[in-house]
Amino acid sequence: MWTLGEDNAALFPGDPSPGLTVTKDAVSQILGLDIDYTTIIDLKGFTELVDAMGGVQIDVKERVCIGCKVEGGVVVGTTGYIEPGVQRLDGYRALWYSRSRADSRDGDFSRMRRQRCMVGALINQVNPVSMLRRYPELAAVLKKNVAVDIPRTTCRPGRSSSSGSRTAARSSRCP
């Protein structure tokens, strides 16, 4: 969706990010919800984040191809593999582990399982002391690769709203 919006930017005069607009509209239509704000993480940023964290330890269950894609029903472009077993993946391999589907035994379902595994592994390995040591590198990666469009004035937990109620500040937009 994002690419379609960017490729057809002329349909969105004055919109600085037609890809985001199209994606928000599509998600809104599919879910039947208004999408007020977004957080965007560049996939390149994912690789940099994993590298900044010192890699991620994963128990790889099935061989995953790197560089591969399907063209005309045939897997092409394979440049290597992530082999089964417990190992520490750098950002490049972590992204392929999470996104590759061309040579998976059940396509998207294998990819979705690996994505859940990746998220769990990243969360489980976050150690406050080691992350504090890596803070400068992590902060630089996040600043460069994460965009949030939530206005600072929208959510101020713990402050009174205009009605004087503290709970009013905790709307669905302010978890």
C-alpha atoms as a PDB file:
ATOM      1  CA  MET A   1       0.000   0.000   0.000  1.00  0.00           C
ATOM      2  CA  TRP A   2       2.749   2.413   0.993  1.00  0.00           C
ATOM      3  CA  THR A   3       4.508   2.017  -2.360  1.00  0.00           C
ATOM      4  CA  LEU A   4       1.264   2.575  -4.288  1.00  0.00           C
ATOM      5  CA  GLY A   5       0.718   5.845  -2.461  1.00  0.00           C
ATOM      6  CA  GLU A   6       4.283   7.017  -3.071  1.00  0.00           C
ATOM      7  CA  ASP A   7       4.122   5.966  -6.745  1.00  0.00           C
ATOM      8  CA  ASN A   8       0.897   7.957  -7.187  1.00  0.00           C
ATOM      9  CA  ALA A   9       1.790  11.042  -5.135  1.00  0.00           C
ATOM     10  CA  ALA A  10       0.076  13.298  -7.692  1.00  0.00           C
ATOM     11  CA  LEU A  11      -3.261  12.001  -6.364  1.00  0.00           C
ATOM     12  CA  PHE A  12      -2.402  13.555  -2.980  1.00  0.00           C
ATOM     13  CA  PRO A  13      -1.413  17.170  -3.704  1.00  0.00           C
ATOM     14  CA  GLY A  14       0.290  18.790  -0.754  1.00  0.00           C
ATOM     15  CA  ASP A  15       0.535  15.541   1.215  1.00  0.00           C
ATOM     16  CA  PRO A  16       4.133  15.096   2.418  1.00  0.00           C
ATOM     17  CA  SER A  17       3.659  11.338   2.854  1.00  0.00           C
ATOM     18  CA  PRO A  18       1.087   9.826   0.468  1.00  0.00           C
ATOM     19  CA  GLY A  19       2.324   6.315   1.293  1.00  0.00           C
ATOM     20  CA  LEU A  20       1.443   6.806   4.947  1.00  0.00           C
ATOM     21  CA  THR A  21      -1.923   8.335   4.024  1.00  0.00           C
ATOM     22  CA  VAL A  22      -2.869   5.377   1.810  1.00  0.00           C
ATOM     23  CA  THR A  23      -1.726   2.858   4.406  1.00  0.00           C
ATOM     24  CA  LYS A  24      -3.674   4.570   7.204  1.00  0.00           C
ATOM     25  CA  ASP A  25      -6.780   4.752   4.999  1.00  0.00           C
ATOM     26  CA  ALA A  26      -6.531   1.052   4.071  1.00  0.00           C
ATOM     27  CA  VAL A  27      -6.053  -0.073   7.683  1.00  0.00           C
ATOM     28  CA  SER A  28      -8.890   2.193   8.771  1.00  0.00           C
ATOM     29  CA  GLN A  29     -11.229   0.694   6.160  1.00  0.00           C
ATOM     30  CA  ILE A  30     -10.244  -2.897   6.957  1.00  0.00           C
ATOM     31  CA  LEU A  31     -10.584  -2.513  10.732  1.00  0.00           C
ATOM     32  CA  GLY A  32     -13.454  -0.047  10.727  1.00  0.00           C
ATOM     33  CA  LEU A  33     -11.456   2.220  13.045  1.00  0.00           C
ATOM     34  CA  ASP A  34     -10.129   5.740  12.764  1.00  0.00           C
ATOM     35  CA  ILE A  35      -6.319   5.813  12.747  1.00  0.00           C
ATOM     36  CA  ASP A  36      -5.359   9.020  14.515  1.00  0.00           C
ATOM     37  CA  TYR A  37      -1.629   8.582  14.982  1.00  0.00           C
ATOM     38  CA  THR A  38       1.139   6.340  13.732  1.00  0.00           C
ATOM     39  CA  THR A  39       4.580   5.065  14.577  1.00  0.00           C
ATOM     40  CA  ILE A  40       6.742   4.145  11.601  1.00  0.00           C
ATOM     41  CA  ILE A  41       9.847   1.984  11.890  1.00  0.00           C
ATOM     42  CA  ASP A  42      12.076   1.727   8.841  1.00  0.00           C
ATOM     43  CA  LEU A  43      13.129  -1.886   8.184  1.00  0.00           C
ATOM     44  CA  LYS A  44      16.706  -0.683   7.823  1.00  0.00           C
ATOM     45  CA  GLY A  45      16.228   0.657  11.317  1.00  0.00           C
ATOM     46  CA  PHE A  46      15.285  -2.817  12.510  1.00  0.00           C
ATOM     47  CA  THR A  47      18.648  -4.179  11.377  1.00  0.00           C
ATOM     48  CA  GLU A  48      20.444  -1.257  13.002  1.00  0.00           C
ATOM     49  CA  LEU A  49      18.451  -1.689  16.225  1.00  0.00           C
ATOM     50  CA  VAL A  50      19.312  -5.390  16.471  1.00  0.00           C
ATOM     51  CA  ASP A  51      22.974  -4.552  15.823  1.00  0.00           C
ATOM     52  CA  ALA A  52      22.861  -1.783  18.448  1.00  0.00           C
ATOM     53  CA  MET A  53      21.463  -4.336  20.931  1.00  0.00           C
ATOM     54  CA  GLY A  54      24.411  -6.625  20.233  1.00  0.00           C
ATOM     55  CA  GLY A  55      22.415  -9.067  18.104  1.00  0.00           C
ATOM     56  CA  VAL A  56      19.612 -11.385  19.129  1.00  0.00           C
ATOM     57  CA  GLN A  57      19.773 -14.987  20.271  1.00  0.00           C
ATOM     58  CA  ILE A  58      17.305 -17.242  18.451  1.00  0.00           C
ATOM     59  CA  ASP A  59      16.639 -20.977  18.398  1.00  0.00           C
ATOM     60  CA  VAL A  60      16.184 -21.424  14.644  1.00  0.00           C
ATOM     61  CA  LYS A  61      13.782 -24.327  14.022  1.00  0.00           C
ATOM     62  CA  GLU A  62      14.024 -24.616  10.226  1.00  0.00           C
ATOM     63  CA  ARG A  63      16.509 -23.552   7.565  1.00  0.00           C
ATOM     64  CA  VAL A  64      15.751 -20.016   6.310  1.00  0.00           C
ATOM     65  CA  CYS A  65      17.022 -18.722   2.979  1.00  0.00           C
ATOM     66  CA  ILE A  66      18.703 -15.327   2.669  1.00  0.00           C
ATOM     67  CA  GLY A  67      18.257 -13.151  -0.421  1.00  0.00           C
ATOM     68  CA  CYS A  68      15.577 -15.423  -1.822  1.00  0.00           C
ATOM     69  CA  LYS A  69      12.324 -14.624  -3.554  1.00  0.00           C
ATOM     70  CA  VAL A  70       9.825 -16.500  -5.692  1.00  0.00           C
ATOM     71  CA  GLU A  71       9.694 -15.734  -9.408  1.00  0.00           C
ATOM     72  CA  GLY A  72       7.380 -17.777 -11.609  1.00  0.00           C
ATOM     73  CA  GLY A  73       6.922 -20.357  -8.862  1.00  0.00           C
ATOM     74  CA  VAL A  74      10.680 -20.904  -8.479  1.00  0.00           C
ATOM     75  CA  VAL A  75      12.860 -19.769  -5.558  1.00  0.00           C
ATOM     76  CA  VAL A  76      15.673 -17.589  -6.912  1.00  0.00           C
ATOM     77  CA  GLY A  77      18.358 -15.261  -5.589  1.00  0.00           C
ATOM     78  CA  THR A  78      19.391 -17.307  -2.552  1.00  0.00           C
ATOM     79  CA  THR A  79      22.715 -16.003  -1.237  1.00  0.00           C
ATOM     80  CA  GLY A  80      22.899 -18.134   1.903  1.00  0.00           C
ATOM     81  CA  TYR A  81      20.986 -19.749   4.712  1.00  0.00           C
ATOM     82  CA  ILE A  82      20.324 -19.371   8.405  1.00  0.00           C
ATOM     83  CA  GLU A  83      20.756 -22.928   9.641  1.00  0.00           C
ATOM     84  CA  PRO A  84      18.754 -24.563  12.475  1.00  0.00           C
ATOM     85  CA  GLY A  85      20.064 -24.302  16.026  1.00  0.00           C
ATOM     86  CA  VAL A  86      20.612 -21.749  18.767  1.00  0.00           C
ATOM     87  CA  GLN A  87      22.630 -18.804  17.480  1.00  0.00           C
ATOM     88  CA  ARG A  88      23.118 -15.065  17.779  1.00  0.00           C
ATOM     89  CA  LEU A  89      21.878 -13.222  14.681  1.00  0.00           C
ATOM     90  CA  ASP A  90      23.108  -9.803  13.612  1.00  0.00           C
ATOM     91  CA  GLY A  91      20.589  -7.286  12.275  1.00  0.00           C
ATOM     92  CA  TYR A  92      20.897  -8.397   8.649  1.00  0.00           C
ATOM     93  CA  ARG A  93      20.252 -12.060   9.472  1.00  0.00           C
ATOM     94  CA  ALA A  94      17.546 -11.153  12.015  1.00  0.00           C
ATOM     95  CA  LEU A  95      15.640  -9.299   9.301  1.00  0.00           C
ATOM     96  CA  TRP A  96      15.914 -12.222   6.872  1.00  0.00           C
ATOM     97  CA  TYR A  97      14.876 -14.620   9.636  1.00  0.00           C
ATOM     98  CA  SER A  98      11.811 -12.467  10.275  1.00  0.00           C
ATOM     99  CA  ARG A  99      10.839 -11.648   6.693  1.00  0.00           C
ATOM    100  CA  SER A 100      11.871 -14.575   4.458  1.00  0.00           C
ATOM    101  CA  ARG A 101       9.029 -16.690   3.140  1.00  0.00           C
ATOM    102  CA  ALA A 102      10.170 -17.963  -0.258  1.00  0.00           C
ATOM    103  CA  ASP A 103      11.601 -21.298   0.863  1.00  0.00           C
ATOM    104  CA  SER A 104       9.499 -21.867   4.006  1.00  0.00           C
ATOM    105  CA  ARG A 105       7.563 -25.096   4.323  1.00  0.00           C
ATOM    106  CA  ASP A 106       4.269 -23.277   4.847  1.00  0.00           C
ATOM    107  CA  GLY A 107       5.020 -19.777   3.522  1.00  0.00           C
ATOM    108  CA  ASP A 108       3.495 -16.941   5.462  1.00  0.00           C
ATOM    109  CA  PHE A 109       2.629 -19.095   8.461  1.00  0.00           C
ATOM    110  CA  SER A 110       6.302 -19.969   9.017  1.00  0.00           C
ATOM    111  CA  ARG A 111       7.210 -16.313   8.555  1.00  0.00           C
ATOM    112  CA  MET A 112       4.577 -15.202  11.080  1.00  0.00           C
ATOM    113  CA  ARG A 113       5.828 -17.765  13.635  1.00  0.00           C
ATOM    114  CA  ARG A 114       9.392 -16.548  13.151  1.00  0.00           C
ATOM    115  CA  GLN A 115       8.280 -12.922  13.562  1.00  0.00           C
ATOM    116  CA  ARG A 116       6.593 -13.753  16.887  1.00  0.00           C
ATOM    117  CA  CYS A 117       9.735 -15.615  17.922  1.00  0.00           C
ATOM    118  CA  MET A 118      11.899 -12.608  16.993  1.00  0.00           C
ATOM    119  CA  VAL A 119       9.767 -10.145  18.941  1.00  0.00           C
ATOM    120  CA  GLY A 120       9.795 -12.449  21.974  1.00  0.00           C
ATOM    121  CA  ALA A 121      13.556 -12.956  21.767  1.00  0.00           C
ATOM    122  CA  LEU A 122      14.222  -9.219  21.507  1.00  0.00           C
ATOM    123  CA  ILE A 123      11.970  -8.464  24.467  1.00  0.00           C
ATOM    124  CA  ASN A 124      13.374 -11.306  26.571  1.00  0.00           C
ATOM    125  CA  GLN A 125      16.970 -10.266  26.043  1.00  0.00           C
ATOM    126  CA  VAL A 126      16.452  -6.635  27.022  1.00  0.00           C
ATOM    127  CA  ASN A 127      18.560  -6.209  30.109  1.00  0.00           C
ATOM    128  CA  PRO A 128      18.376  -2.698  31.577  1.00  0.00           C
ATOM    129  CA  VAL A 129      22.094  -2.636  32.411  1.00  0.00           C
ATOM    130  CA  SER A 130      23.256  -3.755  28.969  1.00  0.00           C
ATOM    131  CA  MET A 131      20.767  -1.447  27.245  1.00  0.00           C
ATOM    132  CA  LEU A 132      21.986   1.476  29.365  1.00  0.00           C
ATOM    133  CA  ARG A 133      25.547   0.728  28.273  1.00  0.00           C
ATOM    134  CA  ARG A 134      24.375   0.807  24.665  1.00  0.00           C
ATOM    135  CA  TYR A 135      22.115   3.853  25.130  1.00  0.00           C
ATOM    136  CA  PRO A 136      24.012   6.284  22.842  1.00  0.00           C
ATOM    137  CA  GLU A 137      23.961   3.823  19.933  1.00  0.00           C
ATOM    138  CA  LEU A 138      20.334   2.815  20.578  1.00  0.00           C
ATOM    139  CA  ALA A 139      19.194   6.440  20.819  1.00  0.00           C
ATOM    140  CA  ALA A 140      20.902   7.303  17.521  1.00  0.00           C
ATOM    141  CA  VAL A 141      19.261   4.335  15.767  1.00  0.00           C
ATOM    142  CA  LEU A 142      15.807   5.190  17.115  1.00  0.00           C
ATOM    143  CA  LYS A 143      16.142   8.878  16.235  1.00  0.00           C
ATOM    144  CA  LYS A 144      17.129   8.028  12.665  1.00  0.00           C
ATOM    145  CA  ASN A 145      14.613   5.228  11.989  1.00  0.00           C
ATOM    146  CA  VAL A 146      11.480   5.787  14.066  1.00  0.00           C
ATOM    147  CA  ALA A 147       8.889   8.442  13.270  1.00  0.00           C
ATOM    148  CA  VAL A 148       5.920   9.181  15.536  1.00  0.00           C
ATOM    149  CA  ASP A 149       3.191  11.673  14.686  1.00  0.00           C
ATOM    150  CA  ILE A 150       1.565  11.900  18.123  1.00  0.00           C
ATOM    151  CA  PRO A 151       1.472  15.564  19.149  1.00  0.00           C
ATOM    152  CA  ARG A 152       3.137  16.240  22.498  1.00  0.00           C
ATOM    153  CA  THR A 153       0.036  18.093  23.736  1.00  0.00           C
ATOM    154  CA  THR A 154      -2.304  15.155  23.033  1.00  0.00           C
ATOM    155  CA  CYS A 155      -1.256  12.963  25.897  1.00  0.00           C
ATOM    156  CA  ARG A 156      -0.116  14.207  29.269  1.00  0.00           C
ATOM    157  CA  PRO A 157      -0.852  11.430  31.750  1.00  0.00           C
ATOM    158  CA  GLY A 158      -1.225  12.613  35.317  1.00  0.00           C
ATOM    159  CA  ARG A 159      -2.184  16.189  34.377  1.00  0.00           C
ATOM    160  CA  SER A 160      -5.654  17.568  34.684  1.00  0.00           C
ATOM    161  CA  SER A 161      -7.735  18.077  31.572  1.00  0.00           C
ATOM    162  CA  SER A 162      -9.876  21.134  30.976  1.00  0.00           C
ATOM    163  CA  SER A 163     -12.704  19.437  32.885  1.00  0.00           C
ATOM    164  CA  GLY A 164     -10.439  18.959  35.894  1.00  0.00           C
ATOM    165  CA  SER A 165     -10.660  15.173  35.724  1.00  0.00           C
ATOM    166  CA  ARG A 166      -7.418  13.185  35.780  1.00  0.00           C
ATOM    167  CA  THR A 167      -9.141  10.292  33.986  1.00  0.00           C
ATOM    168  CA  ALA A 168      -9.979  12.485  31.003  1.00  0.00           C
ATOM    169  CA  ALA A 169      -6.248  12.537  30.164  1.00  0.00           C
ATOM    170  CA  ARG A 170      -6.324   8.749  29.965  1.00  0.00           C
ATOM    171  CA  SER A 171      -8.469   8.430  26.868  1.00  0.00           C
ATOM    172  CA  SER A 172      -8.034   5.683  24.281  1.00  0.00           C
ATOM    173  CA  ARG A 173      -5.278   7.827  22.801  1.00  0.00           C
ATOM    174  CA  CYS A 174      -3.340   7.949  26.076  1.00  0.00           C
ATOM    175  CA  PRO A 175      -2.669   4.485  27.431  1.00  0.00           C
END
